[in-house]
PDB file of N, CA and C in Angstrom:
ATOM      1  N   MET A   1     -34.365  37.407  32.099  1.00  0.00           N
ATOM      2  CA  MET A   1     -34.498  38.738  32.702  1.00  0.00           C
ATOM      3  C   MET A   1     -34.921  38.608  34.166  1.00  0.00           C
ATOM      4  N   ALA A   2     -34.320  39.393  34.996  1.00  0.00           N
ATOM      5  CA  ALA A   2     -34.658  39.346  36.432  1.00  0.00           C
ATOM      6  C   ALA A   2     -36.089  39.838  36.634  1.00  0.00           C
ATOM      7  N   LYS A   3     -36.808  39.164  37.476  1.00  0.00           N
ATOM      8  CA  LYS A   3     -38.172  39.578  37.784  1.00  0.00           C
ATOM      9  C   LYS A   3     -38.123  40.822  38.666  1.00  0.00           C
ATOM     10  N   ARG A   4     -39.072  41.734  38.422  1.00  0.00           N
ATOM     11  CA  ARG A   4     -39.154  42.977  39.194  1.00  0.00           C
ATOM     12  C   ARG A   4     -40.199  42.815  40.299  1.00  0.00           C
ATOM     13  N   VAL A   5     -39.786  43.116  41.527  1.00  0.00           N
ATOM     14  CA  VAL A   5     -40.635  42.884  42.699  1.00  0.00           C
ATOM     15  C   VAL A   5     -40.964  44.207  43.396  1.00  0.00           C
ATOM     16  N   LEU A   6     -42.227  44.373  43.767  1.00  0.00           N
ATOM     17  CA  LEU A   6     -42.662  45.509  44.583  1.00  0.00           C
ATOM     18  C   LEU A   6     -42.851  44.979  45.999  1.00  0.00           C
ATOM     19  N   ILE A   7     -42.145  45.583  46.962  1.00  0.00           N
ATOM     20  CA  ILE A   7     -42.224  45.150  48.365  1.00  0.00           C
ATOM     21  C   ILE A   7     -43.165  46.084  49.127  1.00  0.00           C
ATOM     22  N   VAL A   8     -44.190  45.499  49.744  1.00  0.00           N
ATOM     23  CA  VAL A   8     -45.157  46.299  50.497  1.00  0.00           C
ATOM     24  C   VAL A   8     -45.184  45.837  51.956  1.00  0.00           C
ATOM     25  N   ASP A   9     -44.761  46.721  52.853  1.00  0.00           N
ATOM     26  CA  ASP A   9     -44.793  46.429  54.291  1.00  0.00           C
ATOM     27  C   ASP A   9     -44.675  47.756  55.032  1.00  0.00           C
ATOM     28  N   ASP A  10     -45.440  47.909  56.117  1.00  0.00           N
ATOM     29  CA  ASP A  10     -45.365  49.172  56.853  1.00  0.00           C
ATOM     30  C   ASP A  10     -44.103  49.275  57.704  1.00  0.00           C
ATOM     31  N   ALA A  11     -43.424  48.160  57.923  1.00  0.00           N
ATOM     32  CA  ALA A  11     -42.191  48.182  58.718  1.00  0.00           C
ATOM     33  C   ALA A  11     -40.969  48.286  57.796  1.00  0.00           C
ATOM     34  N   ALA A  12     -40.227  49.360  57.926  1.00  0.00           N
ATOM     35  CA  ALA A  12     -39.034  49.586  57.095  1.00  0.00           C
ATOM     36  C   ALA A  12     -38.042  48.438  57.251  1.00  0.00           C
ATOM     37  N   PHE A  13     -37.935  47.902  58.474  1.00  0.00           N
ATOM     38  CA  PHE A  13     -37.015  46.789  58.740  1.00  0.00           C
ATOM     39  C   PHE A  13     -37.392  45.563  57.905  1.00  0.00           C
ATOM     40  N   MET A  14     -38.691  45.267  57.822  1.00  0.00           N
ATOM     41  CA  MET A  14     -39.166  44.114  57.038  1.00  0.00           C
ATOM     42  C   MET A  14     -38.887  44.319  55.555  1.00  0.00           C
ATOM     43  N   ARG A  15     -39.103  45.562  55.088  1.00  0.00           N
ATOM     44  CA  ARG A  15     -38.826  45.857  53.675  1.00  0.00           C
ATOM     45  C   ARG A  15     -37.343  45.656  53.382  1.00  0.00           C
ATOM     46  N   MET A  16     -36.511  46.097  54.302  1.00  0.00           N
ATOM     47  CA  MET A  16     -35.060  45.966  54.141  1.00  0.00           C
ATOM     48  C   MET A  16     -34.654  44.494  54.103  1.00  0.00           C
ATOM     49  N   LEU A  17     -35.230  43.711  54.988  1.00  0.00           N
ATOM     50  CA  LEU A  17     -34.955  42.277  55.070  1.00  0.00           C
ATOM     51  C   LEU A  17     -35.342  41.573  53.763  1.00  0.00           C
ATOM     52  N   LEU A  18     -36.551  41.865  53.285  1.00  0.00           N
ATOM     53  CA  LEU A  18     -37.026  41.264  52.044  1.00  0.00           C
ATOM     54  C   LEU A  18     -36.173  41.699  50.853  1.00  0.00           C
ATOM     55  N   LYS A  19     -35.828  42.989  50.841  1.00  0.00           N
ATOM     56  CA  LYS A  19     -35.017  43.537  49.746  1.00  0.00           C
ATOM     57  C   LYS A  19     -33.694  42.778  49.659  1.00  0.00           C
ATOM     58  N   ASP A  20     -33.110  42.517  50.812  1.00  0.00           N
ATOM     59  CA  ASP A  20     -31.836  41.799  50.893  1.00  0.00           C
ATOM     60  C   ASP A  20     -31.978  40.385  50.322  1.00  0.00           C
ATOM     61  N   ILE A  21     -33.010  39.657  50.760  1.00  0.00           N
ATOM     62  CA  ILE A  21     -33.246  38.285  50.301  1.00  0.00           C
ATOM     63  C   ILE A  21     -33.497  38.277  48.789  1.00  0.00           C
ATOM     64  N   ILE A  22     -34.352  39.189  48.335  1.00  0.00           N
ATOM     65  CA  ILE A  22     -34.765  39.237  46.930  1.00  0.00           C
ATOM     66  C   ILE A  22     -33.603  39.581  46.000  1.00  0.00           C
ATOM     67  N   THR A  23     -32.828  40.593  46.361  1.00  0.00           N
ATOM     68  CA  THR A  23     -31.720  40.998  45.480  1.00  0.00           C
ATOM     69  C   THR A  23     -30.621  39.940  45.446  1.00  0.00           C
ATOM     70  N   LYS A  24     -30.360  39.301  46.596  1.00  0.00           N
ATOM     71  CA  LYS A  24     -29.340  38.238  46.631  1.00  0.00           C
ATOM     72  C   LYS A  24     -29.761  37.041  45.777  1.00  0.00           C
ATOM     73  N   ALA A  25     -31.073  36.864  45.591  1.00  0.00           N
ATOM     74  CA  ALA A  25     -31.581  35.750  44.779  1.00  0.00           C
ATOM     75  C   ALA A  25     -31.615  36.114  43.289  1.00  0.00           C
ATOM     76  N   GLY A  26     -31.173  37.324  42.959  1.00  0.00           N
ATOM     77  CA  GLY A  26     -31.084  37.727  41.560  1.00  0.00           C
ATOM     78  C   GLY A  26     -32.317  38.439  41.010  1.00  0.00           C
ATOM     79  N   TYR A  27     -33.211  38.834  41.910  1.00  0.00           N
ATOM     80  CA  TYR A  27     -34.391  39.590  41.479  1.00  0.00           C
ATOM     81  C   TYR A  27     -34.111  41.074  41.647  1.00  0.00           C
ATOM     82  N   GLU A  28     -34.906  41.882  40.956  1.00  0.00           N
ATOM     83  CA  GLU A  28     -34.747  43.332  41.050  1.00  0.00           C
ATOM     84  C   GLU A  28     -35.892  43.892  41.886  1.00  0.00           C
ATOM     85  N   VAL A  29     -35.585  44.792  42.821  1.00  0.00           N
ATOM     86  CA  VAL A  29     -36.642  45.433  43.602  1.00  0.00           C
ATOM     87  C   VAL A  29     -37.090  46.673  42.817  1.00  0.00           C
ATOM     88  N   ALA A  30     -38.304  46.614  42.276  1.00  0.00           N
ATOM     89  CA  ALA A  30     -38.829  47.698  41.445  1.00  0.00           C
ATOM     90  C   ALA A  30     -39.194  48.906  42.299  1.00  0.00           C
ATOM     91  N   GLY A  31     -39.633  48.634  43.546  1.00  0.00           N
ATOM     92  CA  GLY A  31     -40.044  49.718  44.427  1.00  0.00           C
ATOM     93  C   GLY A  31     -40.521  49.179  45.764  1.00  0.00           C
ATOM     94  N   GLU A  32     -40.853  50.134  46.648  1.00  0.00           N
ATOM     95  CA  GLU A  32     -41.336  49.785  47.981  1.00  0.00           C
ATOM     96  C   GLU A  32     -42.537  50.644  48.322  1.00  0.00           C
ATOM     97  N   ALA A  33     -43.428  50.103  49.137  1.00  0.00           N
ATOM     98  CA  ALA A  33     -44.584  50.857  49.610  1.00  0.00           C
ATOM     99  C   ALA A  33     -44.802  50.528  51.085  1.00  0.00           C
ATOM    100  N   ALA A  34     -45.283  51.526  51.846  1.00  0.00           N
ATOM    101  CA  ALA A  34     -45.447  51.360  53.292  1.00  0.00           C
ATOM    102  C   ALA A  34     -46.892  51.100  53.707  1.00  0.00           C
ATOM    103  N   ASN A  35     -47.835  51.185  52.754  1.00  0.00           N
ATOM    104  CA  ASN A  35     -49.232  50.870  53.065  1.00  0.00           C
ATOM    105  C   ASN A  35     -49.967  50.513  51.783  1.00  0.00           C
ATOM    106  N   GLY A  36     -51.211  50.094  51.925  1.00  0.00           N
ATOM    107  CA  GLY A  36     -51.993  49.648  50.781  1.00  0.00           C
ATOM    108  C   GLY A  36     -52.241  50.719  49.733  1.00  0.00           C
ATOM    109  N   VAL A  37     -52.455  51.954  50.188  1.00  0.00           N
ATOM    110  CA  VAL A  37     -52.696  53.067  49.260  1.00  0.00           C
ATOM    111  C   VAL A  37     -51.472  53.242  48.355  1.00  0.00           C
ATOM    112  N   GLU A  38     -50.292  53.289  48.979  1.00  0.00           N
ATOM    113  CA  GLU A  38     -49.037  53.410  48.233  1.00  0.00           C
ATOM    114  C   GLU A  38     -48.844  52.215  47.307  1.00  0.00           C
ATOM    115  N   ALA A  39     -49.193  51.022  47.800  1.00  0.00           N
ATOM    116  CA  ALA A  39     -49.020  49.794  47.021  1.00  0.00           C
ATOM    117  C   ALA A  39     -49.782  49.870  45.706  1.00  0.00           C
ATOM    118  N   VAL A  40     -51.031  50.326  45.760  1.00  0.00           N
ATOM    119  CA  VAL A  40     -51.866  50.415  44.556  1.00  0.00           C
ATOM    120  C   VAL A  40     -51.271  51.439  43.585  1.00  0.00           C
ATOM    121  N   GLU A  41     -50.861  52.606  44.128  1.00  0.00           N
ATOM    122  CA  GLU A  41     -50.258  53.650  43.286  1.00  0.00           C
ATOM    123  C   GLU A  41     -48.978  53.149  42.619  1.00  0.00           C
ATOM    124  N   LYS A  42     -48.110  52.529  43.430  1.00  0.00           N
ATOM    125  CA  LYS A  42     -46.828  52.026  42.909  1.00  0.00           C
ATOM    126  C   LYS A  42     -47.044  50.912  41.890  1.00  0.00           C
ATOM    127  N   TYR A  43     -48.071  50.091  42.111  1.00  0.00           N
ATOM    128  CA  TYR A  43     -48.349  49.006  41.162  1.00  0.00           C
ATOM    129  C   TYR A  43     -48.669  49.600  39.791  1.00  0.00           C
ATOM    130  N   LYS A  44     -49.533  50.629  39.786  1.00  0.00           N
ATOM    131  CA  LYS A  44     -49.921  51.281  38.529  1.00  0.00           C
ATOM    132  C   LYS A  44     -48.703  51.887  37.840  1.00  0.00           C
ATOM    133  N   GLU A  45     -47.866  52.532  38.651  1.00  0.00           N
ATOM    134  CA  GLU A  45     -46.708  53.257  38.140  1.00  0.00           C
ATOM    135  C   GLU A  45     -45.589  52.320  37.666  1.00  0.00           C
ATOM    136  N   LEU A  46     -45.271  51.299  38.456  1.00  0.00           N
ATOM    137  CA  LEU A  46     -44.095  50.460  38.194  1.00  0.00           C
ATOM    138  C   LEU A  46     -44.375  49.174  37.419  1.00  0.00           C
ATOM    139  N   LYS A  47     -45.638  48.729  37.444  1.00  0.00           N
ATOM    140  CA  LYS A  47     -46.013  47.453  36.807  1.00  0.00           C
ATOM    141  C   LYS A  47     -45.008  46.323  37.109  1.00  0.00           C
ATOM    142  N   PRO A  48     -44.846  45.997  38.399  1.00  0.00           N
ATOM    143  CA  PRO A  48     -43.894  44.940  38.771  1.00  0.00           C
ATOM    144  C   PRO A  48     -44.396  43.559  38.345  1.00  0.00           C
ATOM    145  N   ASP A  49     -43.482  42.588  38.294  1.00  0.00           N
ATOM    146  CA  ASP A  49     -43.856  41.213  37.936  1.00  0.00           C
ATOM    147  C   ASP A  49     -44.496  40.503  39.120  1.00  0.00           C
ATOM    148  N   VAL A  50     -44.010  40.835  40.331  1.00  0.00           N
ATOM    149  CA  VAL A  50     -44.493  40.190  41.551  1.00  0.00           C
ATOM    150  C   VAL A  50     -44.596  41.248  42.658  1.00  0.00           C
ATOM    151  N   VAL A  51     -45.563  41.067  43.560  1.00  0.00           N
ATOM    152  CA  VAL A  51     -45.717  41.951  44.721  1.00  0.00           C
ATOM    153  C   VAL A  51     -45.643  41.098  45.984  1.00  0.00           C
ATOM    154  N   THR A  52     -44.854  41.538  46.980  1.00  0.00           N
ATOM    155  CA  THR A  52     -44.931  40.906  48.305  1.00  0.00           C
ATOM    156  C   THR A  52     -45.776  41.860  49.151  1.00  0.00           C
ATOM    157  N   MET A  53     -46.869  41.367  49.695  1.00  0.00           N
ATOM    158  CA  MET A  53     -47.863  42.220  50.355  1.00  0.00           C
ATOM    159  C   MET A  53     -48.055  41.856  51.821  1.00  0.00           C
ATOM    160  N   ASP A  54     -47.778  42.812  52.698  1.00  0.00           N
ATOM    161  CA  ASP A  54     -48.062  42.644  54.124  1.00  0.00           C
ATOM    162  C   ASP A  54     -49.583  42.732  54.287  1.00  0.00           C
ATOM    163  N   ILE A  55     -50.134  42.136  55.320  1.00  0.00           N
ATOM    164  CA  ILE A  55     -51.584  42.191  55.512  1.00  0.00           C
ATOM    165  C   ILE A  55     -51.982  43.378  56.393  1.00  0.00           C
ATOM    166  N   THR A  56     -51.350  43.484  57.556  1.00  0.00           N
ATOM    167  CA  THR A  56     -51.745  44.501  58.528  1.00  0.00           C
ATOM    168  C   THR A  56     -50.938  45.776  58.326  1.00  0.00           C
ATOM    169  N   MET A  57     -51.592  46.810  57.775  1.00  0.00           N
ATOM    170  CA  MET A  57     -50.918  48.088  57.517  1.00  0.00           C
ATOM    171  C   MET A  57     -51.881  49.237  57.757  1.00  0.00           C
ATOM    172  N   PRO A  58     -51.353  50.437  58.025  1.00  0.00           N
ATOM    173  CA  PRO A  58     -52.225  51.609  58.197  1.00  0.00           C
ATOM    174  C   PRO A  58     -52.805  52.064  56.851  1.00  0.00           C
ATOM    175  N   GLU A  59     -53.818  52.904  56.897  1.00  0.00           N
ATOM    176  CA  GLU A  59     -54.483  53.525  55.739  1.00  0.00           C
ATOM    177  C   GLU A  59     -55.288  52.555  54.887  1.00  0.00           C
ATOM    178  N   MET A  60     -54.622  51.495  54.390  1.00  0.00           N
ATOM    179  CA  MET A  60     -55.348  50.454  53.655  1.00  0.00           C
ATOM    180  C   MET A  60     -54.633  49.139  53.910  1.00  0.00           C
ATOM    181  N   ASP A  61     -55.396  48.121  54.350  1.00  0.00           N
ATOM    182  CA  ASP A  61     -54.750  46.835  54.641  1.00  0.00           C
ATOM    183  C   ASP A  61     -54.412  46.089  53.352  1.00  0.00           C
ATOM    184  N   GLY A  62     -53.628  45.033  53.500  1.00  0.00           N
ATOM    185  CA  GLY A  62     -53.151  44.272  52.356  1.00  0.00           C
ATOM    186  C   GLY A  62     -54.250  43.596  51.562  1.00  0.00           C
ATOM    187  N   ILE A  63     -55.304  43.139  52.240  1.00  0.00           N
ATOM    188  CA  ILE A  63     -56.386  42.434  51.549  1.00  0.00           C
ATOM    189  C   ILE A  63     -57.134  43.390  50.618  1.00  0.00           C
ATOM    190  N   THR A  64     -57.423  44.589  51.108  1.00  0.00           N
ATOM    191  CA  THR A  64     -58.078  45.607  50.272  1.00  0.00           C
ATOM    192  C   THR A  64     -57.172  45.981  49.102  1.00  0.00           C
ATOM    193  N   ALA A  65     -55.879  46.124  49.394  1.00  0.00           N
ATOM    194  CA  ALA A  65     -54.920  46.473  48.336  1.00  0.00           C
ATOM    195  C   ALA A  65     -54.851  45.377  47.271  1.00  0.00           C
ATOM    196  N   ILE A  66     -54.894  44.109  47.691  1.00  0.00           N
ATOM    197  CA  ILE A  66     -54.880  42.990  46.727  1.00  0.00           C
ATOM    198  C   ILE A  66     -56.087  43.112  45.799  1.00  0.00           C
ATOM    199  N   LYS A  67     -57.266  43.358  46.376  1.00  0.00           N
ATOM    200  CA  LYS A  67     -58.489  43.469  45.572  1.00  0.00           C
ATOM    201  C   LYS A  67     -58.368  44.603  44.562  1.00  0.00           C
ATOM    202  N   LYS A  68     -57.832  45.746  45.008  1.00  0.00           N
ATOM    203  CA  LYS A  68     -57.693  46.907  44.116  1.00  0.00           C
ATOM    204  C   LYS A  68     -56.673  46.646  43.006  1.00  0.00           C
ATOM    205  N   ILE A  69     -55.561  45.999  43.352  1.00  0.00           N
ATOM    206  CA  ILE A  69     -54.544  45.677  42.339  1.00  0.00           C
ATOM    207  C   ILE A  69     -55.123  44.681  41.328  1.00  0.00           C
ATOM    208  N   LYS A  70     -55.904  43.715  41.809  1.00  0.00           N
ATOM    209  CA  LYS A  70     -56.520  42.727  40.926  1.00  0.00           C
ATOM    210  C   LYS A  70     -57.533  43.374  39.971  1.00  0.00           C
ATOM    211  N   GLU A  71     -58.166  44.482  40.421  1.00  0.00           N
ATOM    212  CA  GLU A  71     -59.091  45.215  39.542  1.00  0.00           C
ATOM    213  C   GLU A  71     -58.303  45.864  38.397  1.00  0.00           C
ATOM    214  N   ILE A  72     -57.120  46.381  38.724  1.00  0.00           N
ATOM    215  CA  ILE A  72     -56.255  47.028  37.733  1.00  0.00           C
ATOM    216  C   ILE A  72     -55.671  45.974  36.792  1.00  0.00           C
ATOM    217  N   ASP A  73     -55.199  44.878  37.380  1.00  0.00           N
ATOM    218  CA  ASP A  73     -54.535  43.827  36.618  1.00  0.00           C
ATOM    219  C   ASP A  73     -54.955  42.460  37.157  1.00  0.00           C
ATOM    220  N   PRO A  74     -55.913  41.815  36.489  1.00  0.00           N
ATOM    221  CA  PRO A  74     -56.388  40.506  36.959  1.00  0.00           C
ATOM    222  C   PRO A  74     -55.284  39.438  37.022  1.00  0.00           C
ATOM    223  N   ASN A  75     -54.193  39.660  36.288  1.00  0.00           N
ATOM    224  CA  ASN A  75     -53.090  38.692  36.273  1.00  0.00           C
ATOM    225  C   ASN A  75     -51.980  39.017  37.266  1.00  0.00           C
ATOM    226  N   ALA A  76     -52.205  39.994  38.122  1.00  0.00           N
ATOM    227  CA  ALA A  76     -51.177  40.389  39.101  1.00  0.00           C
ATOM    228  C   ALA A  76     -50.760  39.193  39.949  1.00  0.00           C
ATOM    229  N   LYS A  77     -49.452  39.078  40.177  1.00  0.00           N
ATOM    230  CA  LYS A  77     -48.916  37.990  41.000  1.00  0.00           C
ATOM    231  C   LYS A  77     -48.538  38.576  42.360  1.00  0.00           C
ATOM    232  N   ILE A  78     -49.275  38.168  43.375  1.00  0.00           N
ATOM    233  CA  ILE A  78     -49.090  38.736  44.718  1.00  0.00           C
ATOM    234  C   ILE A  78     -48.807  37.623  45.721  1.00  0.00           C
ATOM    235  N   ILE A  79     -47.762  37.843  46.521  1.00  0.00           N
ATOM    236  CA  ILE A  79     -47.411  36.918  47.597  1.00  0.00           C
ATOM    237  C   ILE A  79     -47.707  37.644  48.909  1.00  0.00           C
ATOM    238  N   VAL A  80     -48.525  37.038  49.742  1.00  0.00           N
ATOM    239  CA  VAL A  80     -48.880  37.644  51.025  1.00  0.00           C
ATOM    240  C   VAL A  80     -47.828  37.307  52.072  1.00  0.00           C
ATOM    241  N   CYS A  81     -47.463  38.313  52.865  1.00  0.00           N
ATOM    242  CA  CYS A  81     -46.532  38.111  53.984  1.00  0.00           C
ATOM    243  C   CYS A  81     -47.334  38.311  55.259  1.00  0.00           C
ATOM    244  N   SER A  82     -47.358  37.298  56.115  1.00  0.00           N
ATOM    245  CA  SER A  82     -48.131  37.451  57.342  1.00  0.00           C
ATOM    246  C   SER A  82     -47.378  36.894  58.529  1.00  0.00           C
ATOM    247  N   ALA A  83     -47.740  37.405  59.691  1.00  0.00           N
ATOM    248  CA  ALA A  83     -47.165  36.891  60.930  1.00  0.00           C
ATOM    249  C   ALA A  83     -47.867  35.587  61.283  1.00  0.00           C
ATOM    250  N   MET A  84     -47.277  34.812  62.153  1.00  0.00           N
ATOM    251  CA  MET A  84     -47.899  33.566  62.617  1.00  0.00           C
ATOM    252  C   MET A  84     -49.264  33.889  63.206  1.00  0.00           C
ATOM    253  N   GLY A  85     -50.196  32.955  63.070  1.00  0.00           N
ATOM    254  CA  GLY A  85     -51.500  33.144  63.694  1.00  0.00           C
ATOM    255  C   GLY A  85     -52.459  34.004  62.908  1.00  0.00           C
ATOM    256  N   GLN A  86     -52.122  34.304  61.647  1.00  0.00           N
ATOM    257  CA  GLN A  86     -53.048  35.105  60.832  1.00  0.00           C
ATOM    258  C   GLN A  86     -53.675  34.242  59.734  1.00  0.00           C
ATOM    259  N   GLN A  87     -53.882  32.977  60.027  1.00  0.00           N
ATOM    260  CA  GLN A  87     -54.381  32.038  59.018  1.00  0.00           C
ATOM    261  C   GLN A  87     -55.673  32.515  58.342  1.00  0.00           C
ATOM    262  N   ALA A  88     -56.599  33.026  59.135  1.00  0.00           N
ATOM    263  CA  ALA A  88     -57.881  33.481  58.575  1.00  0.00           C
ATOM    264  C   ALA A  88     -57.655  34.598  57.561  1.00  0.00           C
ATOM    265  N   MET A  89     -56.728  35.498  57.891  1.00  0.00           N
ATOM    266  CA  MET A  89     -56.425  36.603  56.974  1.00  0.00           C
ATOM    267  C   MET A  89     -55.721  36.103  55.723  1.00  0.00           C
ATOM    268  N   VAL A  90     -54.870  35.109  55.880  1.00  0.00           N
ATOM    269  CA  VAL A  90     -54.180  34.529  54.729  1.00  0.00           C
ATOM    270  C   VAL A  90     -55.203  33.913  53.775  1.00  0.00           C
ATOM    271  N   ILE A  91     -56.176  33.184  54.323  1.00  0.00           N
ATOM    272  CA  ILE A  91     -57.223  32.577  53.501  1.00  0.00           C
ATOM    273  C   ILE A  91     -57.995  33.666  52.763  1.00  0.00           C
ATOM    274  N   GLU A  92     -58.312  34.738  53.466  1.00  0.00           N
ATOM    275  CA  GLU A  92     -59.030  35.864  52.861  1.00  0.00           C
ATOM    276  C   GLU A  92     -58.191  36.490  51.735  1.00  0.00           C
ATOM    277  N   ALA A  93     -56.890  36.595  51.964  1.00  0.00           N
ATOM    278  CA  ALA A  93     -55.987  37.169  50.961  1.00  0.00           C
ATOM    279  C   ALA A  93     -55.919  36.288  49.712  1.00  0.00           C
ATOM    280  N   ILE A  94     -55.875  34.971  49.915  1.00  0.00           N
ATOM    281  CA  ILE A  94     -55.845  34.024  48.788  1.00  0.00           C
ATOM    282  C   ILE A  94     -57.164  34.133  48.007  1.00  0.00           C
ATOM    283  N   GLN A  95     -58.269  34.245  48.731  1.00  0.00           N
ATOM    284  CA  GLN A  95     -59.576  34.404  48.067  1.00  0.00           C
ATOM    285  C   GLN A  95     -59.636  35.712  47.290  1.00  0.00           C
ATOM    286  N   ALA A  96     -58.935  36.735  47.793  1.00  0.00           N
ATOM    287  CA  ALA A  96     -58.905  38.045  47.121  1.00  0.00           C
ATOM    288  C   ALA A  96     -58.018  38.007  45.881  1.00  0.00           C
ATOM    289  N   GLY A  97     -57.196  36.952  45.775  1.00  0.00           N
ATOM    290  CA  GLY A  97     -56.390  36.820  44.569  1.00  0.00           C
ATOM    291  C   GLY A  97     -54.898  36.640  44.766  1.00  0.00           C
ATOM    292  N   ALA A  98     -54.439  36.552  46.013  1.00  0.00           N
ATOM    293  CA  ALA A  98     -53.015  36.305  46.245  1.00  0.00           C
ATOM    294  C   ALA A  98     -52.671  34.895  45.772  1.00  0.00           C
ATOM    295  N   LYS A  99     -51.457  34.714  45.271  1.00  0.00           N
ATOM    296  CA  LYS A  99     -51.054  33.425  44.703  1.00  0.00           C
ATOM    297  C   LYS A  99     -50.323  32.529  45.707  1.00  0.00           C
ATOM    298  N   ASP A 100     -49.757  33.131  46.743  1.00  0.00           N
ATOM    299  CA  ASP A 100     -48.958  32.356  47.693  1.00  0.00           C
ATOM    300  C   ASP A 100     -48.821  33.181  48.966  1.00  0.00           C
ATOM    301  N   PHE A 101     -48.283  32.577  50.015  1.00  0.00           N
ATOM    302  CA  PHE A 101     -48.030  33.348  51.232  1.00  0.00           C
ATOM    303  C   PHE A 101     -46.739  32.879  51.881  1.00  0.00           C
ATOM    304  N   ILE A 102     -46.088  33.810  52.542  1.00  0.00           N
ATOM    305  CA  ILE A 102     -44.891  33.494  53.315  1.00  0.00           C
ATOM    306  C   ILE A 102     -45.106  34.041  54.723  1.00  0.00           C
ATOM    307  N   VAL A 103     -44.590  33.317  55.692  1.00  0.00           N
ATOM    308  CA  VAL A 103     -44.811  33.667  57.095  1.00  0.00           C
ATOM    309  C   VAL A 103     -43.598  34.379  57.673  1.00  0.00           C
ATOM    310  N   LYS A 104     -43.872  35.422  58.458  1.00  0.00           N
ATOM    311  CA  LYS A 104     -42.809  36.126  59.187  1.00  0.00           C
ATOM    312  C   LYS A 104     -42.547  35.364  60.473  1.00  0.00           C
ATOM    313  N   PRO A 105     -41.351  35.293  60.998  1.00  0.00           N
ATOM    314  CA  PRO A 105     -40.099  35.788  60.395  1.00  0.00           C
ATOM    315  C   PRO A 105     -39.737  34.990  59.141  1.00  0.00           C
ATOM    316  N   PHE A 106     -39.238  35.694  58.131  1.00  0.00           N
ATOM    317  CA  PHE A 106     -38.978  35.088  56.834  1.00  0.00           C
ATOM    318  C   PHE A 106     -37.860  34.063  56.843  1.00  0.00           C
ATOM    319  N   GLN A 107     -38.112  32.963  56.153  1.00  0.00           N
ATOM    320  CA  GLN A 107     -37.047  31.991  55.881  1.00  0.00           C
ATOM    321  C   GLN A 107     -36.618  32.299  54.452  1.00  0.00           C
ATOM    322  N   HIS A 108     -35.332  32.564  54.264  1.00  0.00           N
ATOM    323  CA  HIS A 108     -34.811  32.934  52.945  1.00  0.00           C
ATOM    324  C   HIS A 108     -35.285  31.968  51.866  1.00  0.00           C
ATOM    325  N   SER A 109     -35.140  30.660  52.131  1.00  0.00           N
ATOM    326  CA  SER A 109     -35.481  29.645  51.127  1.00  0.00           C
ATOM    327  C   SER A 109     -36.957  29.698  50.745  1.00  0.00           C
ATOM    328  N   ARG A 110     -37.811  29.989  51.707  1.00  0.00           N
ATOM    329  CA  ARG A 110     -39.262  30.038  51.450  1.00  0.00           C
ATOM    330  C   ARG A 110     -39.614  31.245  50.585  1.00  0.00           C
ATOM    331  N   VAL A 111     -38.978  32.383  50.836  1.00  0.00           N
ATOM    332  CA  VAL A 111     -39.220  33.593  50.039  1.00  0.00           C
ATOM    333  C   VAL A 111     -38.821  33.331  48.591  1.00  0.00           C
ATOM    334  N   ILE A 112     -37.652  32.745  48.402  1.00  0.00           N
ATOM    335  CA  ILE A 112     -37.129  32.467  47.059  1.00  0.00           C
ATOM    336  C   ILE A 112     -38.012  31.440  46.350  1.00  0.00           C
ATOM    337  N   GLU A 113     -38.437  30.432  47.083  1.00  0.00           N
ATOM    338  CA  GLU A 113     -39.317  29.399  46.519  1.00  0.00           C
ATOM    339  C   GLU A 113     -40.628  30.025  46.018  1.00  0.00           C
ATOM    340  N   ALA A 114     -41.209  30.915  46.821  1.00  0.00           N
ATOM    341  CA  ALA A 114     -42.457  31.576  46.450  1.00  0.00           C
ATOM    342  C   ALA A 114     -42.259  32.420  45.185  1.00  0.00           C
ATOM    343  N   LEU A 115     -41.141  33.128  45.102  1.00  0.00           N
ATOM    344  CA  LEU A 115     -40.849  33.940  43.915  1.00  0.00           C
ATOM    345  C   LEU A 115     -40.649  33.060  42.684  1.00  0.00           C
ATOM    346  N   GLN A 116     -39.924  31.970  42.858  1.00  0.00           N
ATOM    347  CA  GLN A 116     -39.650  31.075  41.722  1.00  0.00           C
ATOM    348  C   GLN A 116     -40.925  30.431  41.190  1.00  0.00           C
ATOM    349  N   LYS A 117     -41.849  30.115  42.098  1.00  0.00           N
ATOM    350  CA  LYS A 117     -43.116  29.493  41.688  1.00  0.00           C
ATOM    351  C   LYS A 117     -43.898  30.416  40.757  1.00  0.00           C
ATOM    352  N   LEU A 118     -43.766  31.724  40.999  1.00  0.00           N
ATOM    353  CA  LEU A 118     -44.534  32.703  40.209  1.00  0.00           C
ATOM    354  C   LEU A 118     -43.760  33.216  39.000  1.00  0.00           C
ATOM    355  N   SER A 119     -42.504  32.849  38.887  1.00  0.00           N
ATOM    356  CA  SER A 119     -41.691  33.360  37.759  1.00  0.00           C
ATOM    357  C   SER A 119     -42.030  32.638  36.468  1.00  0.00           C
TER     358      SER A 119
END
């Protein structure tokens, strides 16, 4: 069965890019969210297998959203997406419960590898 992925990023272009990579790799995009608040709501509603989570977003950042999703589901599988130079935030995200991270600009192979590791 194809894994269901929730894409969280405040940039519509990034969501579109990820959606393209994910669907071409045979995964299903369960939904999209533009900020952490939406991410938590969508997680509850859609119960995706994997979440790709941006760190820097309005309303609620990715790290706070990871913590909230982990409260709902301690087994949640979350992959952090960050821009170069956000190493400290990536470490914080991993400590909050993220399982892996991918760096923007996305390399198709790296995104797929991260998804496969969690499948």
